[in-house]
């Protein structure tokens, strides 16, 4: 890596540098390959690490802490990029940022990206937490938070712990209600993104917003 740069290394080689040592019967490179295969690649690993219900075999507290630190650095780096440009210029970037923040949570949560007049990220907030199947979302609170951040636009987001990211009739109804409520205070809804492990659904991209 020192001679050719980190981009010359494979995903398993980069992970091996973090893990440093292997486990019984597997050297560190072999173990890294096993972890990535079981997790569905780097993106899947980053989504799995914070989930205590899906432990990674052989990954103790110290190594898990290091991977959590890498994940947090990735979140902060992506947030800084979204703060520096119009967020919908790279919808895939927005979706992966939301996956990193929400997809690993075992219960349903509703979050918002608050955007300024140039549609750059001001901040992200998780507003409501629910059960495995539903979340109670209050339009009045959504409007108040948008006004608090002086938002010109927002991106709505929630997770589906079940894994399927296809919107339900309730999801579409909620989106319509929030769009109408926010329109009264001149705040645009640019998208509503539903995330799950390894996948995301953009209502704007699919034409159902």
N, C-alpha and C. Protein backbone atom coordinates (compact mmCIF):
# COMPACT_ATOMS: atom_id res chain seq x y z
N UNK A 1 0.82 -1.20 0.00
CA UNK A 1 0.00 0.00 0.00
C UNK A 1 0.86 1.26 0.00
N UNK A 2 1.97 1.21 0.71
CA UNK A 2 2.84 2.39 0.76
C UNK A 2 3.45 2.71 -0.60
N UNK A 3 3.74 1.69 -1.38
CA UNK A 3 4.39 1.92 -2.67
C UNK A 3 3.40 2.22 -3.79
N UNK A 4 2.19 1.64 -3.74
CA UNK A 4 1.24 1.78 -4.84
C UNK A 4 -0.05 2.48 -4.47
N UNK A 5 -0.25 2.75 -3.18
CA UNK A 5 -1.46 3.43 -2.75
C UNK A 5 -2.56 2.45 -2.35
N UNK A 6 -3.51 2.88 -1.52
CA UNK A 6 -4.56 1.98 -1.03
C UNK A 6 -5.48 1.45 -2.12
N UNK A 7 -5.62 2.19 -3.22
CA UNK A 7 -6.52 1.73 -4.29
C UNK A 7 -5.99 0.47 -4.97
N UNK A 8 -4.69 0.17 -4.79
CA UNK A 8 -4.11 -1.04 -5.40
C UNK A 8 -4.48 -2.30 -4.63
N UNK A 9 -5.00 -2.16 -3.43
CA UNK A 9 -5.31 -3.31 -2.59
C UNK A 9 -6.76 -3.75 -2.82
N UNK A 10 -6.99 -5.04 -2.69
CA UNK A 10 -8.34 -5.57 -2.77
C UNK A 10 -9.09 -5.25 -1.48
N UNK A 11 -10.41 -5.46 -1.50
CA UNK A 11 -11.20 -5.22 -0.30
C UNK A 11 -10.72 -6.09 0.86
N UNK A 12 -10.44 -7.36 0.57
CA UNK A 12 -10.00 -8.26 1.64
C UNK A 12 -8.64 -7.86 2.18
N UNK A 13 -7.76 -7.34 1.34
CA UNK A 13 -6.44 -6.89 1.81
C UNK A 13 -6.56 -5.66 2.70
N UNK A 14 -7.47 -4.73 2.34
CA UNK A 14 -7.68 -3.55 3.18
C UNK A 14 -8.25 -3.95 4.53
N UNK A 15 -9.21 -4.87 4.52
CA UNK A 15 -9.79 -5.33 5.79
C UNK A 15 -8.75 -6.06 6.61
N UNK A 16 -7.87 -6.82 5.96
CA UNK A 16 -6.82 -7.56 6.68
C UNK A 16 -5.88 -6.61 7.41
N UNK A 17 -5.63 -5.43 6.82
CA UNK A 17 -4.79 -4.45 7.51
C UNK A 17 -5.41 -3.99 8.82
N UNK A 18 -6.73 -3.88 8.83
CA UNK A 18 -7.42 -3.47 10.06
C UNK A 18 -7.45 -4.60 11.08
N UNK A 19 -7.70 -5.82 10.61
CA UNK A 19 -7.83 -6.95 11.54
C UNK A 19 -6.49 -7.39 12.10
N UNK A 20 -5.43 -7.32 11.29
CA UNK A 20 -4.04 -7.58 11.68
C UNK A 20 -3.72 -9.06 11.94
N UNK A 21 -4.61 -9.78 12.61
CA UNK A 21 -4.34 -11.20 12.90
C UNK A 21 -5.54 -12.03 12.49
N UNK A 22 -5.29 -13.30 12.22
CA UNK A 22 -6.36 -14.20 11.81
C UNK A 22 -6.98 -14.93 12.98
N UNK A 23 -7.67 -16.01 12.67
CA UNK A 23 -8.29 -16.86 13.70
C UNK A 23 -7.80 -18.28 13.48
N UNK A 24 -8.17 -19.17 14.38
CA UNK A 24 -7.69 -20.55 14.31
C UNK A 24 -8.01 -21.17 12.95
N UNK A 25 -6.97 -21.61 12.25
CA UNK A 25 -7.14 -22.28 10.98
C UNK A 25 -7.25 -21.36 9.78
N UNK A 26 -7.27 -20.05 10.00
CA UNK A 26 -7.39 -19.09 8.89
C UNK A 26 -6.45 -17.93 9.15
N UNK A 27 -5.55 -17.65 8.18
CA UNK A 27 -4.72 -16.47 8.34
C UNK A 27 -5.57 -15.23 8.12
N UNK A 28 -5.00 -14.07 8.36
CA UNK A 28 -5.81 -12.85 8.36
C UNK A 28 -6.42 -12.55 7.00
N UNK A 29 -5.71 -12.86 5.92
CA UNK A 29 -6.26 -12.59 4.59
C UNK A 29 -7.42 -13.55 4.29
N UNK A 30 -7.25 -14.80 4.65
CA UNK A 30 -8.33 -15.77 4.45
C UNK A 30 -9.56 -15.39 5.27
N UNK A 31 -9.31 -14.97 6.51
CA UNK A 31 -10.42 -14.59 7.39
C UNK A 31 -11.15 -13.35 6.86
N UNK A 32 -10.38 -12.41 6.34
CA UNK A 32 -10.98 -11.22 5.75
C UNK A 32 -11.89 -11.59 4.58
N UNK A 33 -11.42 -12.53 3.75
CA UNK A 33 -12.24 -12.98 2.63
C UNK A 33 -13.50 -13.66 3.12
N UNK A 34 -13.39 -14.46 4.19
CA UNK A 34 -14.56 -15.13 4.76
C UNK A 34 -15.59 -14.11 5.26
N UNK A 35 -15.11 -13.08 5.95
CA UNK A 35 -16.00 -12.06 6.52
C UNK A 35 -16.74 -11.32 5.41
N UNK A 36 -16.01 -10.94 4.37
CA UNK A 36 -16.63 -10.19 3.27
C UNK A 36 -17.64 -11.06 2.53
N UNK A 37 -17.32 -12.32 2.34
CA UNK A 37 -18.24 -13.22 1.66
C UNK A 37 -19.52 -13.40 2.47
N UNK A 38 -19.37 -13.57 3.78
CA UNK A 38 -20.54 -13.76 4.65
C UNK A 38 -21.37 -12.49 4.79
N UNK A 39 -20.72 -11.33 4.64
CA UNK A 39 -21.42 -10.05 4.85
C UNK A 39 -21.96 -9.46 3.57
N UNK A 40 -21.60 -10.03 2.43
CA UNK A 40 -22.04 -9.45 1.16
C UNK A 40 -21.19 -8.29 0.72
N UNK A 41 -19.90 -8.31 1.06
CA UNK A 41 -18.99 -7.25 0.63
C UNK A 41 -18.80 -6.18 1.69
N UNK A 42 -18.02 -5.15 1.33
CA UNK A 42 -17.69 -4.09 2.28
C UNK A 42 -18.92 -3.34 2.76
N UNK A 43 -19.82 -3.01 1.83
CA UNK A 43 -21.03 -2.28 2.22
C UNK A 43 -21.85 -3.08 3.21
N UNK A 44 -22.00 -4.39 2.94
CA UNK A 44 -22.74 -5.24 3.87
C UNK A 44 -22.07 -5.33 5.22
N UNK A 45 -20.74 -5.37 5.24
CA UNK A 45 -20.01 -5.44 6.50
C UNK A 45 -20.23 -4.19 7.33
N UNK A 46 -20.13 -3.02 6.69
CA UNK A 46 -20.32 -1.76 7.42
C UNK A 46 -21.72 -1.66 7.99
N UNK A 47 -22.70 -2.22 7.29
CA UNK A 47 -24.08 -2.20 7.79
C UNK A 47 -24.29 -3.22 8.90
N UNK A 48 -23.50 -4.29 8.89
CA UNK A 48 -23.68 -5.36 9.87
C UNK A 48 -22.97 -5.08 11.18
N UNK A 49 -21.84 -4.40 11.14
CA UNK A 49 -21.00 -4.22 12.33
C UNK A 49 -21.76 -3.63 13.52
N UNK A 50 -22.60 -2.58 13.34
CA UNK A 50 -23.25 -2.00 14.51
C UNK A 50 -24.43 -2.81 15.03
N UNK A 51 -24.76 -3.93 14.39
CA UNK A 51 -25.94 -4.69 14.76
C UNK A 51 -25.56 -5.83 15.71
N UNK A 52 -25.86 -5.69 17.00
CA UNK A 52 -25.46 -6.74 17.96
C UNK A 52 -26.19 -8.06 17.75
N UNK A 53 -27.30 -8.02 17.01
CA UNK A 53 -28.06 -9.25 16.76
C UNK A 53 -27.43 -10.10 15.66
N UNK A 54 -26.44 -9.53 14.95
CA UNK A 54 -25.78 -10.28 13.87
C UNK A 54 -24.27 -10.24 14.09
N UNK A 55 -23.78 -10.92 15.14
CA UNK A 55 -22.35 -10.89 15.43
C UNK A 55 -21.54 -11.55 14.33
N UNK A 56 -20.31 -11.09 14.14
CA UNK A 56 -19.41 -11.66 13.15
C UNK A 56 -18.47 -12.62 13.87
N UNK A 57 -18.45 -13.87 13.45
CA UNK A 57 -17.68 -14.91 14.13
C UNK A 57 -16.21 -14.51 14.23
N UNK A 58 -15.68 -14.57 15.44
CA UNK A 58 -14.28 -14.28 15.68
C UNK A 58 -13.96 -12.82 15.88
N UNK A 59 -14.95 -11.95 15.71
CA UNK A 59 -14.70 -10.51 15.82
C UNK A 59 -14.98 -10.06 17.25
N UNK A 60 -13.91 -9.85 18.02
CA UNK A 60 -14.04 -9.44 19.41
C UNK A 60 -14.29 -7.95 19.56
N UNK A 61 -14.43 -7.50 20.80
CA UNK A 61 -14.74 -6.09 21.05
C UNK A 61 -13.72 -5.12 20.46
N UNK A 62 -12.44 -5.45 20.53
CA UNK A 62 -11.41 -4.53 20.04
C UNK A 62 -11.51 -4.33 18.53
N UNK A 63 -11.59 -5.44 17.80
CA UNK A 63 -11.68 -5.34 16.34
C UNK A 63 -13.02 -4.73 15.91
N UNK A 64 -14.08 -5.05 16.64
CA UNK A 64 -15.37 -4.47 16.30
C UNK A 64 -15.34 -2.96 16.51
N UNK A 65 -14.65 -2.52 17.57
CA UNK A 65 -14.52 -1.09 17.82
C UNK A 65 -13.78 -0.39 16.68
N UNK A 66 -12.74 -1.02 16.16
CA UNK A 66 -12.00 -0.43 15.05
C UNK A 66 -12.89 -0.29 13.81
N UNK A 67 -13.67 -1.34 13.52
CA UNK A 67 -14.56 -1.28 12.35
C UNK A 67 -15.66 -0.24 12.56
N UNK A 68 -16.15 -0.11 13.79
CA UNK A 68 -17.15 0.92 14.07
C UNK A 68 -16.55 2.32 13.85
N UNK A 69 -15.27 2.49 14.21
CA UNK A 69 -14.62 3.77 13.99
C UNK A 69 -14.51 4.07 12.50
N UNK A 70 -14.18 3.04 11.70
CA UNK A 70 -14.12 3.22 10.25
C UNK A 70 -15.49 3.60 9.71
N UNK A 71 -16.53 2.95 10.20
CA UNK A 71 -17.88 3.25 9.75
C UNK A 71 -18.26 4.68 10.09
N UNK A 72 -17.92 5.13 11.29
CA UNK A 72 -18.25 6.49 11.69
C UNK A 72 -17.48 7.50 10.84
N UNK A 73 -16.23 7.20 10.52
CA UNK A 73 -15.46 8.08 9.63
C UNK A 73 -16.13 8.16 8.26
N UNK A 74 -16.61 7.02 7.76
CA UNK A 74 -17.30 7.01 6.46
C UNK A 74 -18.55 7.87 6.51
N UNK A 75 -19.33 7.75 7.58
CA UNK A 75 -20.54 8.57 7.73
C UNK A 75 -20.20 10.05 7.71
N UNK A 76 -19.18 10.42 8.49
CA UNK A 76 -18.85 11.84 8.60
C UNK A 76 -18.28 12.38 7.28
N UNK A 77 -17.50 11.57 6.60
CA UNK A 77 -16.95 12.00 5.31
C UNK A 77 -18.07 12.22 4.29
N UNK A 78 -19.04 11.30 4.27
CA UNK A 78 -20.16 11.43 3.34
C UNK A 78 -21.03 12.62 3.69
N UNK A 79 -21.23 12.86 5.00
CA UNK A 79 -22.01 14.03 5.42
C UNK A 79 -21.33 15.32 4.98
N UNK A 80 -20.01 15.38 5.09
CA UNK A 80 -19.28 16.58 4.66
C UNK A 80 -19.43 16.81 3.16
N UNK A 81 -19.42 15.72 2.38
CA UNK A 81 -19.62 15.87 0.94
C UNK A 81 -21.02 16.37 0.62
N UNK A 82 -22.03 15.87 1.33
CA UNK A 82 -23.40 16.31 1.11
C UNK A 82 -23.61 17.76 1.55
N UNK A 83 -22.81 18.20 2.52
CA UNK A 83 -22.91 19.59 2.97
C UNK A 83 -22.27 20.55 1.97
N UNK A 84 -21.46 20.00 1.06
CA UNK A 84 -20.72 20.85 0.14
C UNK A 84 -21.31 20.93 -1.25
N UNK A 85 -22.43 20.20 -1.52
CA UNK A 85 -23.00 20.24 -2.85
C UNK A 85 -24.48 19.89 -2.79
N UNK A 86 -25.17 20.14 -3.88
CA UNK A 86 -26.60 19.85 -3.96
C UNK A 86 -26.79 18.34 -3.86
N UNK A 87 -27.56 17.91 -2.86
CA UNK A 87 -27.56 16.49 -2.51
C UNK A 87 -28.08 15.59 -3.62
N UNK A 88 -29.07 16.07 -4.39
CA UNK A 88 -29.67 15.19 -5.39
C UNK A 88 -28.83 15.08 -6.66
N UNK A 89 -27.66 15.73 -6.69
CA UNK A 89 -26.74 15.53 -7.81
C UNK A 89 -26.20 14.11 -7.82
N UNK A 90 -26.19 13.48 -6.66
CA UNK A 90 -25.72 12.10 -6.56
C UNK A 90 -26.67 11.34 -5.65
N UNK A 91 -27.78 10.87 -6.23
CA UNK A 91 -28.80 10.20 -5.44
C UNK A 91 -28.27 8.93 -4.80
N UNK A 92 -27.37 8.21 -5.48
CA UNK A 92 -26.80 6.98 -4.93
C UNK A 92 -26.00 7.27 -3.67
N UNK A 93 -25.30 8.40 -3.65
CA UNK A 93 -24.53 8.82 -2.48
C UNK A 93 -25.47 9.04 -1.30
N UNK A 94 -26.58 9.72 -1.55
CA UNK A 94 -27.57 9.99 -0.51
C UNK A 94 -28.13 8.68 0.03
N UNK A 95 -28.46 7.76 -0.87
CA UNK A 95 -29.04 6.50 -0.45
C UNK A 95 -28.07 5.68 0.41
N UNK A 96 -26.79 5.66 0.02
CA UNK A 96 -25.83 4.89 0.80
C UNK A 96 -25.58 5.55 2.15
N UNK A 97 -25.58 6.88 2.19
CA UNK A 97 -25.44 7.59 3.47
C UNK A 97 -26.58 7.21 4.41
N UNK A 98 -27.80 7.14 3.87
CA UNK A 98 -28.95 6.76 4.68
C UNK A 98 -28.86 5.29 5.10
N UNK A 99 -28.36 4.43 4.21
CA UNK A 99 -28.16 3.03 4.58
C UNK A 99 -27.19 2.90 5.75
N UNK A 100 -26.08 3.62 5.69
CA UNK A 100 -25.09 3.55 6.76
C UNK A 100 -25.70 3.96 8.10
N UNK A 101 -26.62 4.92 8.06
CA UNK A 101 -27.19 5.45 9.30
C UNK A 101 -28.40 4.68 9.80
N UNK A 102 -29.15 4.06 8.89
CA UNK A 102 -30.45 3.51 9.31
C UNK A 102 -30.63 2.01 9.09
N UNK A 103 -29.96 1.45 8.09
CA UNK A 103 -30.30 0.08 7.66
C UNK A 103 -30.03 -0.98 8.72
N UNK A 104 -29.10 -0.72 9.64
CA UNK A 104 -28.74 -1.74 10.63
C UNK A 104 -29.67 -1.75 11.84
N UNK A 105 -30.57 -0.76 11.96
CA UNK A 105 -31.41 -0.63 13.16
C UNK A 105 -32.51 -1.68 13.13
N UNK A 106 -32.70 -2.36 14.26
CA UNK A 106 -33.61 -3.50 14.31
C UNK A 106 -35.08 -3.10 14.41
N UNK A 107 -35.36 -1.83 14.72
CA UNK A 107 -36.74 -1.35 14.77
C UNK A 107 -36.89 -0.22 13.75
N UNK A 108 -38.11 0.07 13.38
CA UNK A 108 -38.35 1.07 12.35
C UNK A 108 -38.12 2.48 12.90
N UNK A 109 -37.41 3.29 12.13
CA UNK A 109 -37.18 4.69 12.50
C UNK A 109 -37.47 5.58 11.30
N UNK A 110 -37.83 6.82 11.59
CA UNK A 110 -38.10 7.81 10.56
C UNK A 110 -37.11 8.95 10.75
N UNK A 111 -36.42 9.33 9.66
CA UNK A 111 -35.40 10.38 9.74
C UNK A 111 -35.60 11.37 8.61
N UNK A 112 -34.93 12.51 8.72
CA UNK A 112 -35.01 13.54 7.69
C UNK A 112 -33.64 14.16 7.45
N UNK A 113 -33.36 14.45 6.19
CA UNK A 113 -32.23 15.29 5.83
C UNK A 113 -32.78 16.70 5.61
N UNK A 114 -32.28 17.65 6.37
CA UNK A 114 -32.72 19.04 6.25
C UNK A 114 -31.74 19.78 5.33
N UNK A 115 -32.26 20.45 4.31
CA UNK A 115 -31.44 21.07 3.28
C UNK A 115 -31.66 22.57 3.24
N UNK A 116 -30.60 23.29 2.84
CA UNK A 116 -30.70 24.75 2.73
C UNK A 116 -31.25 25.15 1.36
N UNK A 117 -31.19 26.44 1.05
CA UNK A 117 -31.77 26.93 -0.20
C UNK A 117 -31.04 26.40 -1.43
N UNK A 118 -29.77 26.00 -1.27
CA UNK A 118 -29.01 25.40 -2.37
C UNK A 118 -29.13 23.87 -2.37
N UNK A 119 -30.00 23.36 -1.51
CA UNK A 119 -30.23 21.92 -1.37
C UNK A 119 -28.97 21.19 -0.90
N UNK A 120 -28.17 21.88 -0.09
CA UNK A 120 -27.03 21.25 0.58
C UNK A 120 -27.47 20.80 1.97
N UNK A 121 -26.83 19.75 2.46
CA UNK A 121 -27.22 19.18 3.74
C UNK A 121 -26.90 20.13 4.90
N UNK A 122 -27.91 20.40 5.72
CA UNK A 122 -27.71 21.13 6.97
C UNK A 122 -27.42 20.13 8.08
N UNK A 123 -28.29 19.13 8.21
CA UNK A 123 -28.09 18.07 9.19
C UNK A 123 -29.09 16.95 8.93
N UNK A 124 -28.87 15.86 9.60
CA UNK A 124 -29.80 14.74 9.58
C UNK A 124 -30.30 14.51 10.99
N UNK A 125 -31.58 14.23 11.13
CA UNK A 125 -32.15 13.93 12.44
C UNK A 125 -33.05 12.70 12.33
N UNK A 126 -32.99 11.86 13.36
CA UNK A 126 -33.96 10.78 13.51
C UNK A 126 -35.08 11.31 14.40
N UNK A 127 -36.29 11.39 13.85
CA UNK A 127 -37.38 12.04 14.56
C UNK A 127 -38.26 11.07 15.33
N UNK A 128 -38.51 9.89 14.76
CA UNK A 128 -39.46 8.97 15.38
C UNK A 128 -38.90 7.55 15.37
N UNK A 129 -39.22 6.83 16.42
CA UNK A 129 -38.81 5.42 16.54
C UNK A 129 -40.05 4.59 16.79
N UNK A 130 -40.12 3.42 16.17
CA UNK A 130 -41.32 2.61 16.30
C UNK A 130 -41.01 1.16 16.57
N UNK A 131 -41.94 0.30 16.20
CA UNK A 131 -41.79 -1.13 16.38
C UNK A 131 -41.14 -1.71 15.13
N UNK A 132 -41.12 -3.03 15.04
CA UNK A 132 -40.57 -3.67 13.85
C UNK A 132 -41.42 -3.39 12.62
N UNK A 133 -42.69 -3.07 12.80
CA UNK A 133 -43.59 -2.95 11.65
C UNK A 133 -44.09 -1.55 11.35
N UNK A 134 -44.05 -0.65 12.31
CA UNK A 134 -44.61 0.66 12.03
C UNK A 134 -44.01 1.74 12.92
N UNK A 135 -44.12 2.97 12.47
CA UNK A 135 -43.68 4.14 13.21
C UNK A 135 -44.78 5.18 13.15
N UNK A 136 -45.04 5.83 14.26
CA UNK A 136 -45.99 6.93 14.27
C UNK A 136 -45.24 8.21 13.94
N UNK A 137 -45.60 8.82 12.84
CA UNK A 137 -44.94 10.04 12.37
C UNK A 137 -45.95 11.17 12.43
N UNK A 138 -45.60 12.26 13.11
CA UNK A 138 -46.52 13.36 13.31
C UNK A 138 -46.15 14.53 12.40
N UNK A 139 -47.01 14.88 11.43
CA UNK A 139 -46.70 15.97 10.50
C UNK A 139 -46.36 17.29 11.20
N UNK A 140 -47.03 17.58 12.31
CA UNK A 140 -46.75 18.84 13.01
C UNK A 140 -45.30 18.90 13.46
N UNK A 141 -44.79 17.80 14.01
CA UNK A 141 -43.39 17.77 14.47
C UNK A 141 -42.43 17.86 13.30
N UNK A 142 -42.77 17.22 12.19
CA UNK A 142 -41.94 17.29 10.98
C UNK A 142 -41.82 18.73 10.50
N UNK A 143 -42.95 19.44 10.47
CA UNK A 143 -42.95 20.84 10.03
C UNK A 143 -42.14 21.70 10.99
N UNK A 144 -42.31 21.48 12.29
CA UNK A 144 -41.58 22.28 13.28
C UNK A 144 -40.07 22.09 13.14
N UNK A 145 -39.62 20.85 12.90
CA UNK A 145 -38.18 20.62 12.76
C UNK A 145 -37.64 21.25 11.48
N UNK A 146 -38.43 21.21 10.41
CA UNK A 146 -38.01 21.86 9.16
C UNK A 146 -37.86 23.36 9.35
N UNK A 147 -38.80 23.96 10.07
CA UNK A 147 -38.73 25.40 10.34
C UNK A 147 -37.56 25.72 11.27
N UNK A 148 -37.33 24.85 12.24
CA UNK A 148 -36.21 25.06 13.17
C UNK A 148 -34.88 25.15 12.43
N UNK A 149 -34.71 24.33 11.40
CA UNK A 149 -33.46 24.32 10.64
C UNK A 149 -33.48 25.27 9.44
N UNK A 150 -34.55 26.07 9.33
CA UNK A 150 -34.69 27.01 8.21
C UNK A 150 -34.53 26.29 6.88
N UNK A 151 -35.16 25.13 6.77
CA UNK A 151 -34.99 24.29 5.58
C UNK A 151 -35.78 24.83 4.40
N UNK A 152 -35.17 24.75 3.24
CA UNK A 152 -35.87 25.05 1.99
C UNK A 152 -36.41 23.76 1.38
N UNK A 153 -35.79 22.63 1.72
CA UNK A 153 -36.20 21.33 1.20
C UNK A 153 -35.76 20.25 2.18
N UNK A 154 -36.33 19.06 2.01
CA UNK A 154 -35.99 17.94 2.88
C UNK A 154 -35.98 16.65 2.07
N UNK A 155 -35.29 15.67 2.59
CA UNK A 155 -35.39 14.29 2.11
C UNK A 155 -35.90 13.47 3.28
N UNK A 156 -37.01 12.77 3.08
CA UNK A 156 -37.57 11.89 4.09
C UNK A 156 -36.91 10.52 3.97
N UNK A 157 -36.82 9.81 5.08
CA UNK A 157 -36.20 8.49 5.04
C UNK A 157 -36.71 7.63 6.19
N UNK A 158 -36.85 6.35 5.93
CA UNK A 158 -37.07 5.41 7.02
C UNK A 158 -36.55 4.04 6.60
N UNK A 159 -36.41 3.17 7.58
CA UNK A 159 -35.88 1.83 7.32
C UNK A 159 -36.99 0.80 7.40
N UNK A 160 -36.78 -0.31 6.71
CA UNK A 160 -37.64 -1.48 6.81
C UNK A 160 -36.81 -2.63 7.37
N UNK A 161 -36.86 -2.88 8.66
CA UNK A 161 -36.06 -3.95 9.25
C UNK A 161 -36.35 -5.33 8.65
N UNK A 162 -37.53 -5.49 8.08
CA UNK A 162 -37.88 -6.78 7.49
C UNK A 162 -37.02 -7.11 6.28
N UNK A 163 -36.42 -6.09 5.66
CA UNK A 163 -35.56 -6.32 4.51
C UNK A 163 -36.14 -5.82 3.20
N UNK A 164 -37.43 -5.94 2.99
CA UNK A 164 -38.06 -5.46 1.77
C UNK A 164 -38.18 -3.94 1.83
N UNK A 165 -37.71 -3.26 0.78
CA UNK A 165 -37.74 -1.80 0.78
C UNK A 165 -38.87 -1.23 -0.08
N UNK A 166 -39.72 -2.10 -0.61
CA UNK A 166 -40.84 -1.60 -1.41
C UNK A 166 -41.82 -0.86 -0.51
N UNK A 167 -42.28 0.33 -0.92
CA UNK A 167 -43.17 1.11 -0.05
C UNK A 167 -44.55 0.47 0.09
N UNK A 168 -45.07 0.54 1.28
CA UNK A 168 -46.43 0.06 1.53
C UNK A 168 -47.42 1.17 1.20
N UNK A 169 -48.70 0.83 1.19
CA UNK A 169 -49.73 1.85 0.98
C UNK A 169 -49.66 2.91 2.07
N UNK A 170 -49.34 2.48 3.31
CA UNK A 170 -49.20 3.44 4.41
C UNK A 170 -48.01 4.37 4.19
N UNK A 171 -46.91 3.85 3.63
CA UNK A 171 -45.74 4.69 3.33
C UNK A 171 -46.11 5.77 2.32
N UNK A 172 -46.83 5.40 1.27
CA UNK A 172 -47.21 6.35 0.24
C UNK A 172 -48.19 7.38 0.78
N UNK A 173 -49.10 6.94 1.63
CA UNK A 173 -50.07 7.87 2.24
C UNK A 173 -49.35 8.86 3.15
N UNK A 174 -48.42 8.37 3.95
CA UNK A 174 -47.65 9.24 4.83
C UNK A 174 -46.87 10.27 4.02
N UNK A 175 -46.24 9.84 2.94
CA UNK A 175 -45.46 10.75 2.11
C UNK A 175 -46.34 11.86 1.55
N UNK A 176 -47.52 11.51 1.08
CA UNK A 176 -48.46 12.51 0.55
C UNK A 176 -48.84 13.51 1.64
N UNK A 177 -49.13 13.03 2.85
CA UNK A 177 -49.51 13.91 3.94
C UNK A 177 -48.39 14.86 4.33
N UNK A 178 -47.15 14.33 4.39
CA UNK A 178 -46.01 15.17 4.77
C UNK A 178 -45.70 16.20 3.69
N UNK A 179 -45.81 15.80 2.43
CA UNK A 179 -45.61 16.76 1.33
C UNK A 179 -46.61 17.91 1.44
N UNK A 180 -47.85 17.59 1.70
CA UNK A 180 -48.88 18.62 1.80
C UNK A 180 -48.63 19.54 2.99
N UNK A 181 -48.26 18.95 4.14
CA UNK A 181 -48.01 19.76 5.34
C UNK A 181 -46.81 20.67 5.15
N UNK A 182 -45.73 20.16 4.55
CA UNK A 182 -44.52 20.95 4.36
C UNK A 182 -44.72 22.01 3.28
N UNK A 183 -45.56 21.73 2.30
CA UNK A 183 -45.82 22.71 1.24
C UNK A 183 -46.46 23.97 1.81
N UNK A 184 -47.21 23.85 2.91
CA UNK A 184 -47.85 25.00 3.53
C UNK A 184 -46.84 26.00 4.08
N UNK A 185 -45.64 25.51 4.38
CA UNK A 185 -44.58 26.42 4.88
C UNK A 185 -43.46 26.54 3.84
N UNK A 186 -43.78 26.22 2.59
CA UNK A 186 -42.86 26.40 1.46
C UNK A 186 -41.58 25.58 1.59
N UNK A 187 -41.72 24.35 2.04
CA UNK A 187 -40.59 23.42 2.12
C UNK A 187 -40.87 22.27 1.16
N UNK A 188 -39.94 22.01 0.23
CA UNK A 188 -40.11 20.95 -0.76
C UNK A 188 -39.62 19.60 -0.23
N UNK A 189 -40.33 18.56 -0.59
CA UNK A 189 -39.88 17.19 -0.32
C UNK A 189 -39.24 16.68 -1.61
N UNK A 190 -37.92 16.49 -1.59
CA UNK A 190 -37.20 16.07 -2.79
C UNK A 190 -37.25 14.56 -3.00
N UNK A 191 -37.37 13.82 -1.90
CA UNK A 191 -37.37 12.36 -2.03
C UNK A 191 -37.83 11.75 -0.72
N UNK A 192 -38.27 10.53 -0.79
CA UNK A 192 -38.50 9.70 0.38
C UNK A 192 -37.80 8.38 0.10
N UNK A 193 -36.77 8.09 0.89
CA UNK A 193 -35.93 6.91 0.66
C UNK A 193 -36.20 5.88 1.74
N UNK A 194 -36.48 4.66 1.31
CA UNK A 194 -36.66 3.53 2.23
C UNK A 194 -35.42 2.64 2.12
N UNK A 195 -34.80 2.33 3.24
CA UNK A 195 -33.57 1.55 3.21
C UNK A 195 -33.72 0.25 3.99
N UNK A 196 -32.97 -0.74 3.56
CA UNK A 196 -32.84 -2.01 4.25
C UNK A 196 -31.43 -2.50 4.05
N UNK A 197 -31.05 -3.60 4.67
CA UNK A 197 -29.68 -4.12 4.50
C UNK A 197 -29.33 -4.35 3.03
N UNK A 198 -28.40 -3.56 2.53
CA UNK A 198 -27.91 -3.75 1.17
C UNK A 198 -28.79 -3.23 0.06
N UNK A 199 -29.85 -2.49 0.39
CA UNK A 199 -30.73 -2.00 -0.67
C UNK A 199 -31.45 -0.73 -0.24
N UNK A 200 -31.96 0.00 -1.23
CA UNK A 200 -32.69 1.23 -0.96
C UNK A 200 -33.71 1.45 -2.06
N UNK A 201 -34.80 2.15 -1.72
CA UNK A 201 -35.85 2.49 -2.68
C UNK A 201 -36.07 3.99 -2.62
N UNK A 202 -35.89 4.65 -3.78
CA UNK A 202 -36.10 6.10 -3.89
C UNK A 202 -37.46 6.35 -4.54
N UNK A 203 -38.37 7.00 -3.81
CA UNK A 203 -39.66 7.31 -4.39
C UNK A 203 -39.55 8.29 -5.54
N UNK A 204 -38.60 9.21 -5.46
CA UNK A 204 -38.40 10.17 -6.55
C UNK A 204 -37.93 9.45 -7.81
N UNK A 205 -36.95 8.56 -7.66
CA UNK A 205 -36.42 7.85 -8.81
C UNK A 205 -37.45 6.92 -9.45
N UNK A 206 -38.33 6.36 -8.61
CA UNK A 206 -39.33 5.42 -9.10
C UNK A 206 -40.62 6.10 -9.53
N UNK A 207 -40.67 7.43 -9.40
CA UNK A 207 -41.83 8.17 -9.88
C UNK A 207 -43.08 8.04 -9.04
N UNK A 208 -42.93 7.75 -7.74
CA UNK A 208 -44.10 7.60 -6.88
C UNK A 208 -44.13 8.65 -5.79
N UNK A 209 -43.30 9.68 -5.90
CA UNK A 209 -43.25 10.72 -4.89
C UNK A 209 -44.43 11.67 -5.06
